[in-house]
Each structure stands twice: as structure tokens, then as C-alpha cells.
């Protein structure tokens, strides 16, 4: 008979072998069950608790090049503006390649309703900044503002003001300004009391595959150079897509803007913007307008679906309509004109769009007299509307410092192949060759004939290209992910 000691040793050996076997199985199971993290090793994981505001601010203050800062899943009350100054020491060498990321625009929601600050996120002096997969809600001023940054990628981000549309909502949703190489894609903006997506005083811009809904302006490109706006949906805003040039006086004025492959529909929401600093601000946008070009040169609008606008589908206008006091002699405008601002749009090409159901209930205090005139004389309001006033003033030399030189063929405003839609020109640019009539001409064609027909086709504009961290984006960059590449060169 084996001794008690020997039996005890055998028992311990069996237990140890069993533990080792179970440990081995457990390791295999853990390997099978592991899910790869969507975030890179070394990412800064912010806490999912009430300390989030403080933790986020500290992470941004201490950020180093290459950092990935991860916001947690859930809805969180953020108590103040989250600020990142990439050149806080002022040495001119910015922190580079910073990513702010959440778990999804419907899963990571940063709510600024009780914040003591104006903006939600404010980033400046950066280089190669990415913001993705999160939402910024209820900011008092602007949801996400970026300034003086080269290389901005905003992807799958939401900015939202819930509830009734109100002038007290924040002004801008996605708001890059005075920056370059900007890509905004696959994002959602709602409730902005100015513009849902706004890019201003910037260059090299691609805005694509976004939904802008129930803002004053859905998408606005202002005083910017080389912009492509395509494959977006702008619906239920006051105005769908705006291309504006305002007399800002900082030497940056717009040119080479293309708007194509967008669905622009039912932008009939009452204008709820506050009156801004400029006579031509979005507070003047008539409800029920698809696309507006104001005082911008070299704009191409093509291959869009533009439907169901109560006022007009496409409007092209000079700043003379926005402010009847416009003049070089008016000190309000002298410095901006000297700075290079052009009050009169030139080289505007509207072609190959599908336009339906326009002008069924025109509205807007700015154009009330135009609406009355067209309805009294023609019983309709034009689907494509051109003011003609700036061109007339330029052609007769009545205000050359403001209006510029007389138009040649290359400066024309042209509309072609947009179906059998009506055209209207408020003031005949030919005039009588000597003076400006005080009475609008209200030229109108129920279907295209002579109005806005150009003697020669305008030159197609150059595609925009965005470069971020050495990678290029946009159909001008042969981006293989771009569904609108076929329209790029039209």
C-alpha cells in the first residue's frame, strides 16, 4: 500500500498538471476572443467620467507630434472650450499630425450646452490635424473652429443644435478659416444660425459626401481659392450652397470654385440668422434658394440635381444688390476695394444641371421688389437669376474703381444645358451705352433662348487638390476613393 505522503504528492502533481492544461486552454481562448483596438498603440485614452473636460484640456495642452487623443463612447457635458494651440510657445514650429477621435459621430457626443466658453473645439496654428468620429452639440458660438492651420481633415463628424431653429444657435458648425489644405467629408451639420459647413479665407479645399440640413446656409465657401464642393446633400436650409466674397480687407478673395454632383433640394427654411457685420451676410439669403454666387470670380456649377426651391434655383449677383450704398467713395468699401476685393462676379458657368420645381412661392425681403416686378410683368420668377447690375455698371464705366473694367467674353455669366428652365436678368448689361436706368429691366425667358447665352464657352476650372501629411485628396488628385471622379474633368 502506498504511503500517505506518496498519495499526497501524486494528488498535487495531478492538480498542477490540470492547472497548466487549463491555463494553456485559457490562453488560446483569450487569443481567439481578442478584438483588435481601432486605436493605435500609445493612443491617449480620455476617461469616461466627469473629469473628461479637464483630462481633454490637459491632453491638448501637452500634445506632442503624432498624438492620437481618443474621446470615450457616450454623451458628456463639456464645461469649457477645448483649445489646442499647436504653436503655443510661438517658435513657429507647430506640433504636427494630431488626431482627435471618438467612437463614431453618433456614439461620442460632446455636449457644450452648459459650457462657459463660446466655441466647442478651437484649434489654431496647426499642421496636419484630423478630427473624426465624434459629435459636438450645442456650442454657444461655433462647434469646431480651426484657424491658421495647414492640413485639416474632418471626417465623419457631426455638429448639431437640436430643437427649434433659432438665431441664438451657434453660428458655424464646421468652421475652418484662414487655413489651407482642407478636407471635410462624410459629416453631418444641423441647426447653424449662419453656415453648417463654412470654409473662409482659405485655399485648397475639398468638401464632399456631407449632409447639411436645416441651417441658414448649408455649405458656404467664402473668400476662398481652389475649392471643390461635390457629392454633398444640402436640404431644408435657407440657402443650399453659397459662394460668397465679402469685403473683409485681408487680401484673400475667392476664385476657382467648383460645385458639382450635389443634391440640393427643398432649401426653403425661413432665414433665422442674425444681422451680421456685412451687408452681404447670410441674413440676406432669401428662403428657397438652391445656389447663390455673390461677388466671386471663376465659379463653375454643374452636374447637380437642384430641386424644389420656392424662390430660385441659382442666383448670381453683385454686391450692388446686397448694398445699394456700394461705391468706392463710400469709406465702408474703399479699403477693401484697394485691397483687391471685386464687387462684381465674373466668369460664372452654370451648365449641365438637372433643375426642377422652382419659383413656386418666391420670398425674401432683400428681393421683394424683384419678386413683385417679375410676377407683375411675367407672372413667374426665374429659375436661374442674374442681377446684371454690376456688369452694366462695369460696361458703361460708371464706377470703374468698384465694378472694374468692361466685361469681355471670358468674364461672362453663362448658363447652358440645364433643361428648359427659365432665365432672368434684372438689369440688361448692355443698357443704352451711357447711363444706368433707375428701373430694372426684368428680362425673362420662360425657356432658354438668348439670356445668359455666351458667345464662346468658358474655360473649365482646375480641380482642387488637398495635401495632408503627404497624402493627396480630391478628384484633382486621382483619389481612388472618389465616387465623383468622372465629373472631375467635365
Protein backbone atom coordinates (compact mmCIF):
# COMPACT_ATOMS: atom_id res chain seq x y z
CA UNK A 1 0.00 0.00 0.00
CA UNK A 2 1.45 3.44 -1.00
CA UNK A 3 2.23 5.79 1.84
CA UNK A 4 0.03 8.78 2.64
CA UNK A 5 2.90 11.07 1.67
CA UNK A 6 3.23 9.47 -1.75
CA UNK A 7 -0.53 9.79 -2.40
CA UNK A 8 -0.40 13.44 -1.42
CA UNK A 9 2.47 14.07 -3.86
CA UNK A 10 0.56 12.34 -6.67
CA UNK A 11 -2.53 14.42 -5.93
CA UNK A 12 -0.54 17.65 -6.03
CA UNK A 13 1.04 16.62 -9.33
CA UNK A 14 -2.38 15.95 -10.87
CA UNK A 15 -3.69 19.32 -9.69
CA UNK A 16 -0.66 21.14 -11.13
CA UNK A 17 -0.99 19.39 -14.48
CA UNK A 18 -4.68 20.29 -14.59
CA UNK A 19 -3.94 23.93 -13.82
CA UNK A 20 -1.31 24.04 -16.51
CA UNK A 21 -3.69 22.45 -19.01
CA UNK A 22 -6.44 24.91 -18.10
CA UNK A 23 -4.01 27.82 -18.32
CA UNK A 24 -2.99 26.72 -21.78
CA UNK A 25 -6.61 26.48 -22.89
CA UNK A 26 -7.36 29.85 -21.36
CA UNK A 27 -4.52 31.50 -23.29
CA UNK A 28 -5.82 30.02 -26.53
CA UNK A 29 -9.33 31.22 -25.79
CA UNK A 30 -8.09 34.74 -24.94
CA UNK A 31 -6.25 34.92 -28.24
CA UNK A 32 -9.37 33.84 -30.08
CA UNK A 33 -11.57 36.35 -28.24
CA UNK A 34 -9.28 39.38 -28.53
CA UNK A 35 -10.66 42.22 -30.69
CA UNK A 36 -8.10 44.50 -32.28
CA UNK A 37 -8.30 48.03 -30.93
CA UNK A 38 -9.36 50.59 -33.54
CA UNK A 39 -6.85 52.99 -32.00
CA UNK A 40 -3.07 52.83 -32.35
CA UNK A 41 -0.79 51.69 -29.57
CA UNK A 42 0.07 54.60 -27.33
CA UNK A 43 -3.18 56.48 -28.01
CA UNK A 44 -4.22 58.78 -25.18
CA UNK A 45 -7.49 57.33 -23.87
CA UNK A 46 -9.53 60.02 -22.15
CA UNK A 47 -11.64 58.99 -19.14
CA UNK A 48 -15.33 58.20 -19.47
CA UNK A 49 -16.37 60.21 -16.42
CA UNK A 50 -16.92 63.71 -15.09
CA UNK A 51 -13.22 64.52 -15.35
CA UNK A 52 -13.33 64.38 -19.15
CA UNK A 53 -13.20 68.16 -19.67
CA UNK A 54 -10.09 68.56 -17.53
CA UNK A 55 -8.42 65.49 -19.00
CA UNK A 56 -9.10 66.63 -22.57
CA UNK A 57 -7.76 70.12 -21.90
CA UNK A 58 -4.60 68.69 -20.34
CA UNK A 59 -4.09 66.30 -23.26
CA UNK A 60 -4.39 69.17 -25.72
CA UNK A 61 -2.07 71.45 -23.75
CA UNK A 62 0.57 68.73 -23.55
CA UNK A 63 0.06 67.26 -27.02
CA UNK A 64 3.12 66.16 -28.95
CA UNK A 65 3.51 65.48 -32.65
CA UNK A 66 1.81 62.26 -33.65
CA UNK A 67 -0.51 62.06 -30.64
CA UNK A 68 -3.90 60.38 -31.02
CA UNK A 69 -6.38 61.61 -28.40
CA UNK A 70 -9.39 59.33 -28.01
CA UNK A 71 -12.68 60.60 -26.60
CA UNK A 72 -14.80 57.93 -24.90
CA UNK A 73 -18.08 56.50 -26.08
CA UNK A 74 -21.14 58.16 -24.60
CA UNK A 75 -22.63 61.63 -24.14
CA UNK A 76 -20.66 64.04 -21.97
CA UNK A 77 -21.27 67.57 -20.73
CA UNK A 78 -18.14 69.58 -21.55
CA UNK A 79 -17.65 72.58 -19.28
CA UNK A 80 -15.44 74.87 -21.38
CA UNK A 81 -13.90 75.29 -24.83
CA UNK A 82 -11.38 72.59 -25.70
CA UNK A 83 -8.47 74.58 -27.15
CA UNK A 84 -5.39 73.36 -28.96
CA UNK A 85 -2.72 75.87 -29.96
CA UNK A 86 -0.16 73.90 -31.94
CA UNK A 87 2.41 76.68 -31.62
CA UNK A 88 1.74 77.81 -28.07
CA UNK A 89 5.40 78.67 -27.49
CA UNK A 90 5.45 80.92 -30.57
CA UNK A 91 8.60 79.45 -32.08
CA UNK A 92 6.93 78.95 -35.48
CA UNK A 93 7.31 75.15 -35.33
CA UNK A 94 3.84 73.66 -34.77
CA UNK A 95 3.01 70.37 -33.17
CA UNK A 96 2.33 68.16 -36.18
CA UNK A 97 -0.05 65.32 -37.02
CA UNK A 98 -2.55 65.42 -34.16
CA UNK A 99 -5.71 63.29 -34.25
CA UNK A 100 -8.84 63.85 -32.15
CA UNK A 101 -11.08 60.83 -32.48
CA UNK A 102 -14.16 59.29 -30.95
CA UNK A 103 -16.07 56.04 -31.42
CA UNK A 104 -18.49 57.42 -34.02
CA UNK A 105 -20.43 60.62 -34.65
CA UNK A 106 -23.49 59.02 -33.06
CA UNK A 107 -21.55 57.35 -30.22
CA UNK A 108 -19.18 60.02 -28.88
CA UNK A 109 -21.20 63.17 -28.23
CA UNK A 110 -19.60 66.21 -26.62
CA UNK A 111 -22.37 68.48 -25.38
CA UNK A 112 -21.44 72.12 -24.75
CA UNK A 113 -24.87 73.33 -23.61
CA UNK A 114 -23.51 74.26 -20.17
CA UNK A 115 -20.03 75.29 -21.31
CA UNK A 116 -18.58 78.57 -20.10
CA UNK A 117 -16.85 79.05 -23.48
CA UNK A 118 -18.15 80.11 -26.87
CA UNK A 119 -16.64 77.53 -29.21
CA UNK A 120 -16.71 73.80 -28.75
CA UNK A 121 -13.32 72.86 -30.18
CA UNK A 122 -10.91 75.63 -31.15
CA UNK A 123 -7.66 74.72 -32.91
CA UNK A 124 -5.09 77.17 -34.25
CA UNK A 125 -1.59 77.34 -35.70
CA UNK A 126 -1.71 73.64 -36.53
CA UNK A 127 -0.33 71.36 -39.17
CA UNK A 128 -1.99 68.12 -40.28
CA UNK A 129 -4.89 67.97 -37.83
CA UNK A 130 -7.51 65.21 -38.05
CA UNK A 131 -10.88 65.26 -36.29
CA UNK A 132 -13.12 62.25 -36.79
CA UNK A 133 -15.88 60.05 -35.42
CA UNK A 134 -17.40 62.39 -32.85
CA UNK A 135 -20.14 64.99 -32.43
CA UNK A 136 -20.08 68.49 -30.98
CA UNK A 137 -23.51 69.68 -29.85
CA UNK A 138 -25.00 72.95 -28.60
CA UNK A 139 -21.90 75.16 -28.67
CA UNK A 140 -22.73 78.79 -27.93
CA UNK A 141 -20.63 80.27 -30.76
CA UNK A 142 -19.11 77.73 -33.18
CA UNK A 143 -18.94 73.97 -32.88
CA UNK A 144 -15.49 73.26 -34.37
CA UNK A 145 -13.31 76.19 -35.39
CA UNK A 146 -9.83 75.89 -36.90
CA UNK A 147 -7.63 78.85 -37.74
CA UNK A 148 -4.24 79.28 -39.37
CA UNK A 149 -3.80 75.57 -39.93
CA UNK A 150 -2.24 73.79 -42.90
CA UNK A 151 -3.71 70.33 -43.34
CA UNK A 152 -7.19 69.76 -41.90
CA UNK A 153 -9.15 66.54 -42.22
CA UNK A 154 -12.64 66.47 -40.73
CA UNK A 155 -14.22 63.07 -41.29
CA UNK A 156 -17.48 61.61 -40.01
CA UNK A 157 -18.12 64.44 -37.58
CA UNK A 158 -21.48 65.89 -36.52
CA UNK A 159 -22.24 69.39 -35.30
CA UNK A 160 -25.77 69.83 -34.04
CA UNK A 161 -28.08 72.30 -32.42
CA UNK A 162 -31.23 70.40 -31.55
CA UNK A 163 -34.76 71.75 -31.26
CA UNK A 164 -36.28 74.78 -32.95
CA UNK A 165 -34.14 76.70 -35.43
CA UNK A 166 -33.19 79.89 -33.64
CA UNK A 167 -30.89 82.89 -34.15
CA UNK A 168 -29.40 82.11 -30.74
CA UNK A 169 -27.98 78.86 -32.02
CA UNK A 170 -24.26 78.89 -32.68
CA UNK A 171 -23.15 80.47 -35.93
CA UNK A 172 -20.97 77.83 -37.62
CA UNK A 173 -20.78 74.07 -37.40
CA UNK A 174 -17.55 73.10 -39.17
CA UNK A 175 -15.54 76.30 -39.45
CA UNK A 176 -12.00 76.30 -40.89
CA UNK A 177 -10.79 79.83 -41.58
CA UNK A 178 -7.52 81.35 -42.81
CA UNK A 179 -6.20 77.87 -43.46
CA UNK A 180 -5.09 75.63 -46.32
CA UNK A 181 -5.41 72.03 -47.50
CA UNK A 182 -8.83 71.35 -46.02
CA UNK A 183 -10.82 68.13 -46.46
CA UNK A 184 -14.32 67.89 -44.97
CA UNK A 185 -16.13 64.64 -45.69
CA UNK A 186 -18.89 62.29 -44.55
CA UNK A 187 -20.11 64.69 -41.88
CA UNK A 188 -23.48 65.99 -40.71
CA UNK A 189 -24.37 69.58 -39.77
CA UNK A 190 -27.70 70.80 -38.44
CA UNK A 191 -29.10 73.96 -36.85
CA UNK A 192 -26.35 76.52 -37.52
CA UNK A 193 -27.58 80.11 -37.43
CA UNK A 194 -25.05 81.02 -40.12
CA UNK A 195 -23.47 78.15 -42.08
CA UNK A 196 -23.37 74.45 -41.29
CA UNK A 197 -20.13 73.94 -43.22
CA UNK A 198 -18.15 77.13 -43.75
CA UNK A 199 -14.69 77.49 -45.24
CA UNK A 200 -13.44 81.06 -45.32
CA UNK A 201 -10.32 82.94 -46.43
CA UNK A 202 -8.63 79.66 -47.26
CA UNK A 203 -7.20 77.74 -50.20
CA UNK A 204 -7.08 74.17 -51.50
CA UNK A 205 -10.39 72.83 -50.26
CA UNK A 206 -12.47 69.70 -50.81
CA UNK A 207 -15.94 69.41 -49.26
CA UNK A 208 -17.55 66.08 -50.18
CA UNK A 209 -20.11 63.48 -49.11
CA UNK A 210 -21.64 65.58 -46.32
CA UNK A 211 -25.23 66.21 -45.27
CA UNK A 212 -26.11 69.82 -44.44
CA UNK A 213 -29.65 70.09 -43.14
CA UNK A 214 -31.70 72.87 -41.52
CA UNK A 215 -29.03 75.55 -41.33
CA UNK A 216 -29.26 79.10 -42.70
CA UNK A 217 -26.56 78.26 -45.26
CA UNK A 218 -25.96 74.58 -45.78
CA UNK A 219 -22.45 74.89 -47.22
CA UNK A 220 -20.61 78.18 -47.70
CA UNK A 221 -17.31 78.83 -49.44
CA UNK A 222 -16.30 82.41 -48.70
CA UNK A 223 -13.30 84.39 -49.92
CA UNK A 224 -11.52 81.16 -50.79
CA UNK A 225 -9.32 79.87 -53.60
CA UNK A 226 -9.37 76.46 -55.28
CA UNK A 227 -12.39 74.70 -53.81
CA UNK A 228 -14.34 71.65 -54.95
CA UNK A 229 -17.77 71.09 -53.37
CA UNK A 230 -19.24 67.81 -54.56
CA UNK A 231 -21.27 64.72 -53.74
CA UNK A 232 -22.96 66.52 -50.84
CA UNK A 233 -26.61 66.76 -49.92
CA UNK A 234 -27.93 70.18 -48.91
CA UNK A 235 -31.57 70.08 -47.88
CA UNK A 236 -34.04 72.13 -45.84
CA UNK A 237 -31.61 75.01 -45.30
CA UNK A 238 -32.46 78.63 -46.15
CA UNK A 239 -29.90 78.52 -48.96
CA UNK A 240 -28.29 75.28 -50.08
CA UNK A 241 -24.77 76.18 -51.25
CA UNK A 242 -23.28 79.69 -51.14
CA UNK A 243 -20.14 81.00 -52.84
CA UNK A 244 -19.58 84.47 -51.39
CA UNK A 245 -16.87 87.12 -51.48
CA UNK A 246 -17.19 89.75 -48.79
CA UNK A 247 -15.21 93.00 -48.38
CA UNK A 248 -13.16 91.67 -45.50
CA UNK A 249 -9.99 93.58 -46.32
CA UNK A 250 -7.39 90.94 -45.54
CA UNK A 251 -6.14 90.37 -49.08
CA UNK A 252 -7.86 86.99 -49.52
CA UNK A 253 -10.59 86.87 -52.19
CA UNK A 254 -12.21 83.95 -53.91
CA UNK A 255 -11.62 82.31 -57.25
CA UNK A 256 -11.72 78.86 -58.86
CA UNK A 257 -14.67 77.29 -57.02
CA UNK A 258 -16.48 74.29 -58.48
CA UNK A 259 -19.84 72.96 -57.27
CA UNK A 260 -20.84 69.64 -58.85
CA UNK A 261 -22.53 66.27 -58.29
CA UNK A 262 -24.50 67.62 -55.33
CA UNK A 263 -28.14 67.02 -54.43
CA UNK A 264 -29.52 70.44 -53.49
CA UNK A 265 -33.15 70.14 -52.54
CA UNK A 266 -36.00 71.94 -50.77
CA UNK A 267 -33.90 74.62 -49.12
CA UNK A 268 -36.98 76.59 -48.09
CA UNK A 269 -36.40 77.15 -44.36
CA UNK A 270 -37.12 80.66 -43.08
CA UNK A 271 -33.95 82.67 -42.56
CA UNK A 272 -33.10 82.64 -38.83
CA UNK A 273 -29.68 84.34 -38.97
CA UNK A 274 -28.75 87.41 -37.00
CA UNK A 275 -27.80 90.52 -38.96
CA UNK A 276 -24.02 90.37 -39.33
CA UNK A 277 -21.20 92.83 -39.89
CA UNK A 278 -21.51 92.78 -43.68
CA UNK A 279 -24.44 93.87 -45.80
CA UNK A 280 -23.89 90.69 -47.82
CA UNK A 281 -24.00 88.29 -44.88
CA UNK A 282 -26.22 85.23 -44.83
CA UNK A 283 -29.04 87.18 -43.18
CA UNK A 284 -29.91 88.44 -46.68
CA UNK A 285 -30.31 84.95 -48.19
CA UNK A 286 -33.86 84.52 -49.49
CA UNK A 287 -35.53 81.36 -48.24
CA UNK A 288 -35.97 78.88 -51.03
CA UNK A 289 -32.64 79.35 -52.84
CA UNK A 290 -30.53 76.47 -54.13
CA UNK A 291 -27.17 78.07 -55.04
CA UNK A 292 -26.03 81.68 -54.68
CA UNK A 293 -22.90 83.26 -56.13
CA UNK A 294 -22.15 86.68 -54.63
CA UNK A 295 -19.25 88.79 -55.90
CA UNK A 296 -17.00 85.80 -56.60
CA UNK A 297 -14.96 85.25 -59.77
CA UNK A 298 -14.45 81.97 -61.64
CA UNK A 299 -17.21 79.70 -60.39
CA UNK A 300 -18.45 76.56 -62.17
CA UNK A 301 -21.77 74.96 -61.17
CA UNK A 302 -22.52 71.73 -63.00
CA UNK A 303 -23.94 68.19 -62.85
CA UNK A 304 -26.01 68.97 -59.76
CA UNK A 305 -29.58 67.95 -59.01
CA UNK A 306 -31.33 71.13 -57.88
CA UNK A 307 -34.99 70.73 -56.96
CA UNK A 308 -37.98 72.14 -55.10
CA UNK A 309 -36.89 75.70 -54.32
CA UNK A 310 -39.66 78.19 -53.71
CA UNK A 311 -37.67 81.26 -54.83
CA UNK A 312 -34.94 80.42 -57.32
CA UNK A 313 -32.58 77.56 -58.07
CA UNK A 314 -29.41 79.50 -58.94
CA UNK A 315 -28.74 83.19 -58.35
CA UNK A 316 -25.67 85.18 -59.42
CA UNK A 317 -25.40 88.68 -58.06
CA UNK A 318 -23.04 91.56 -57.49
CA UNK A 319 -22.65 93.34 -54.17
CA UNK A 320 -24.68 96.23 -55.57
CA UNK A 321 -27.80 94.21 -54.81
CA UNK A 322 -26.65 93.46 -51.26
CA UNK A 323 -25.94 97.13 -50.54
CA UNK A 324 -27.24 99.94 -52.70
CA UNK A 325 -24.70 102.24 -50.99
CA UNK A 326 -21.80 100.34 -52.53
CA UNK A 327 -19.28 102.77 -54.03
CA UNK A 328 -15.58 103.44 -53.96
CA UNK A 329 -16.48 106.81 -52.49
CA UNK A 330 -18.15 105.09 -49.54
CA UNK A 331 -15.47 104.71 -46.82
CA UNK A 332 -17.07 101.42 -45.82
CA UNK A 333 -15.69 99.87 -49.01
CA UNK A 334 -12.67 101.97 -50.03
CA UNK A 335 -10.05 99.98 -48.15
CA UNK A 336 -11.44 96.59 -49.27
CA UNK A 337 -11.52 97.68 -52.91
CA UNK A 338 -7.95 98.96 -52.62
CA UNK A 339 -7.11 95.60 -51.05
CA UNK A 340 -8.29 93.75 -54.16
CA UNK A 341 -11.91 92.89 -53.45
CA UNK A 342 -14.15 92.62 -56.54
CA UNK A 343 -17.78 93.55 -56.04
CA UNK A 344 -18.91 92.13 -59.38
CA UNK A 345 -18.90 88.40 -60.23
CA UNK A 346 -17.14 87.37 -63.42
CA UNK A 347 -16.67 84.11 -65.31
CA UNK A 348 -19.58 82.15 -63.88
CA UNK A 349 -20.58 78.96 -65.72
CA UNK A 350 -23.84 77.16 -64.88
CA UNK A 351 -24.17 74.06 -67.03
CA UNK A 352 -25.47 70.51 -67.28
CA UNK A 353 -27.55 70.61 -64.11
CA UNK A 354 -30.91 68.90 -63.60
CA UNK A 355 -33.19 71.62 -62.23
CA UNK A 356 -36.86 71.08 -61.31
CA UNK A 357 -39.74 72.78 -59.50
CA UNK A 358 -38.50 76.29 -58.87
CA UNK A 359 -40.08 79.65 -58.06
CA UNK A 360 -43.46 78.40 -56.83
CA UNK A 361 -43.61 80.83 -53.85
CA UNK A 362 -40.75 83.35 -54.07
CA UNK A 363 -39.86 85.16 -50.85
CA UNK A 364 -37.16 87.28 -49.25
CA UNK A 365 -37.14 90.88 -48.05
CA UNK A 366 -33.95 91.72 -49.96
CA UNK A 367 -35.52 90.86 -53.31
CA UNK A 368 -39.12 91.84 -52.57
CA UNK A 369 -39.11 94.44 -55.37
CA UNK A 370 -37.66 91.93 -57.83
CA UNK A 371 -40.30 89.38 -56.92
CA UNK A 372 -43.06 91.95 -57.41
CA UNK A 373 -41.63 93.12 -60.73
CA UNK A 374 -41.24 89.65 -62.22
CA UNK A 375 -44.62 88.46 -61.06
CA UNK A 376 -46.42 91.57 -62.31
CA UNK A 377 -44.72 91.56 -65.71
CA UNK A 378 -44.16 87.87 -66.39
CA UNK A 379 -46.28 86.03 -63.84
CA UNK A 380 -43.25 83.97 -62.78
CA UNK A 381 -39.88 84.22 -61.07
CA UNK A 382 -36.74 82.99 -62.91
CA UNK A 383 -35.20 79.62 -62.15
CA UNK A 384 -31.73 80.97 -62.95
CA UNK A 385 -31.41 84.61 -61.96
CA UNK A 386 -28.62 87.08 -62.76
CA UNK A 387 -28.77 90.63 -61.45
CA UNK A 388 -26.75 92.08 -64.39
CA UNK A 389 -26.30 95.32 -62.48
CA UNK A 390 -22.60 95.01 -61.75
CA UNK A 391 -21.88 94.08 -65.36
CA UNK A 392 -23.91 97.04 -66.58
CA UNK A 393 -22.02 99.45 -64.30
CA UNK A 394 -18.71 97.97 -65.45
CA UNK A 395 -19.65 98.17 -69.13
CA UNK A 396 -20.60 101.83 -69.10
CA UNK A 397 -17.74 102.85 -66.79
CA UNK A 398 -20.00 104.45 -64.21
CA UNK A 399 -17.98 103.24 -61.21
CA UNK A 400 -14.75 101.70 -62.52
CA UNK A 401 -12.94 101.59 -59.18
CA UNK A 402 -15.72 99.42 -57.77
CA UNK A 403 -17.09 97.50 -60.76
CA UNK A 404 -13.87 97.04 -62.70
CA UNK A 405 -13.27 97.05 -66.43
CA UNK A 406 -15.98 96.33 -69.03
CA UNK A 407 -16.77 92.65 -69.49
CA UNK A 408 -15.24 90.63 -72.29
CA UNK A 409 -16.30 87.13 -73.37
CA UNK A 410 -14.07 85.49 -70.77
CA UNK A 411 -15.83 87.39 -67.97
CA UNK A 412 -19.36 86.35 -68.94
CA UNK A 413 -22.07 84.79 -66.81
CA UNK A 414 -23.24 81.75 -68.77
CA UNK A 415 -25.98 79.15 -68.41
CA UNK A 416 -26.35 76.17 -70.76
CA UNK A 417 -27.76 72.63 -70.91
CA UNK A 418 -29.79 72.95 -67.74
CA UNK A 419 -33.03 71.79 -69.34
CA UNK A 420 -35.89 74.04 -70.32
CA UNK A 421 -35.74 76.23 -67.21
CA UNK A 422 -36.47 79.94 -67.16
CA UNK A 423 -33.75 82.59 -67.18
CA UNK A 424 -33.97 86.10 -65.80
CA UNK A 425 -31.65 89.11 -65.90
CA UNK A 426 -32.75 92.02 -63.72
CA UNK A 427 -30.71 94.77 -65.41
CA UNK A 428 -29.74 94.49 -69.06
CA UNK A 429 -25.91 94.59 -69.05
CA UNK A 430 -25.98 96.26 -72.49
CA UNK A 431 -28.02 99.18 -71.15
CA UNK A 432 -28.25 102.15 -73.50
CA UNK A 433 -24.49 102.51 -73.51
CA UNK A 434 -24.36 105.65 -71.42
CA UNK A 435 -26.27 105.56 -68.16
CA UNK A 436 -27.82 103.27 -65.59
CA UNK A 437 -31.58 103.12 -65.69
CA UNK A 438 -33.17 103.55 -62.29
CA UNK A 439 -35.78 101.00 -63.34
CA UNK A 440 -34.89 97.31 -63.59
CA UNK A 441 -35.45 95.73 -66.99
CA UNK A 442 -36.81 92.42 -65.64
CA UNK A 443 -35.64 90.45 -68.67
CA UNK A 444 -37.18 86.98 -68.74
CA UNK A 445 -37.27 83.86 -70.88
CA UNK A 446 -39.59 81.01 -69.96
CA UNK A 447 -37.16 78.67 -71.66
CA UNK A 448 -33.55 79.35 -72.69
CA UNK A 449 -33.04 81.47 -75.80
CA UNK A 450 -30.70 84.45 -75.66
CA UNK A 451 -30.32 85.38 -72.00
CA UNK A 452 -27.14 84.02 -70.41
CA UNK A 453 -26.06 82.52 -73.71
CA UNK A 454 -22.35 83.13 -74.14
CA UNK A 455 -20.52 83.75 -77.39
CA UNK A 456 -17.88 81.21 -76.50
CA UNK A 457 -17.65 78.53 -73.81
CA UNK A 458 -15.85 79.48 -70.65
CA UNK A 459 -12.70 77.57 -69.83
CA UNK A 460 -13.27 74.70 -67.41
CA UNK A 461 -11.84 75.40 -63.99
CA UNK A 462 -8.98 73.48 -62.42
CA UNK A 463 -9.82 70.68 -59.95
CA UNK A 464 -8.89 71.29 -56.34
CA UNK A 465 -6.27 69.16 -54.66
CA UNK A 466 -5.73 68.84 -50.93
CA UNK A 467 -2.45 67.61 -49.43
CA UNK A 468 -2.42 66.45 -45.81
CA UNK A 469 0.64 64.79 -44.34
CA UNK A 470 1.99 63.96 -47.78
CA UNK A 471 -1.27 62.30 -48.92
CA UNK A 472 -3.43 63.90 -51.61
CA UNK A 473 -7.24 64.01 -51.74
CA UNK A 474 -9.91 65.13 -54.17
CA UNK A 475 -10.72 64.25 -57.73
CA UNK A 476 -7.91 66.57 -58.79
CA UNK A 477 -5.53 64.22 -57.02
CA UNK A 478 -6.70 61.00 -58.74
CA UNK A 479 -8.11 59.84 -55.42
CA UNK A 480 -9.23 56.24 -55.98
CA UNK A 481 -11.91 56.56 -53.27
CA UNK A 482 -13.67 59.38 -55.09
CA UNK A 483 -17.09 58.48 -56.46
CA UNK A 484 -17.26 61.74 -58.39
CA UNK A 485 -14.03 61.28 -60.31
CA UNK A 486 -15.93 61.00 -63.59
CA UNK A 487 -17.30 64.52 -63.13
CA UNK A 488 -13.98 65.99 -62.13
CA UNK A 489 -12.87 66.98 -65.58
CA UNK A 490 -16.20 67.94 -67.11
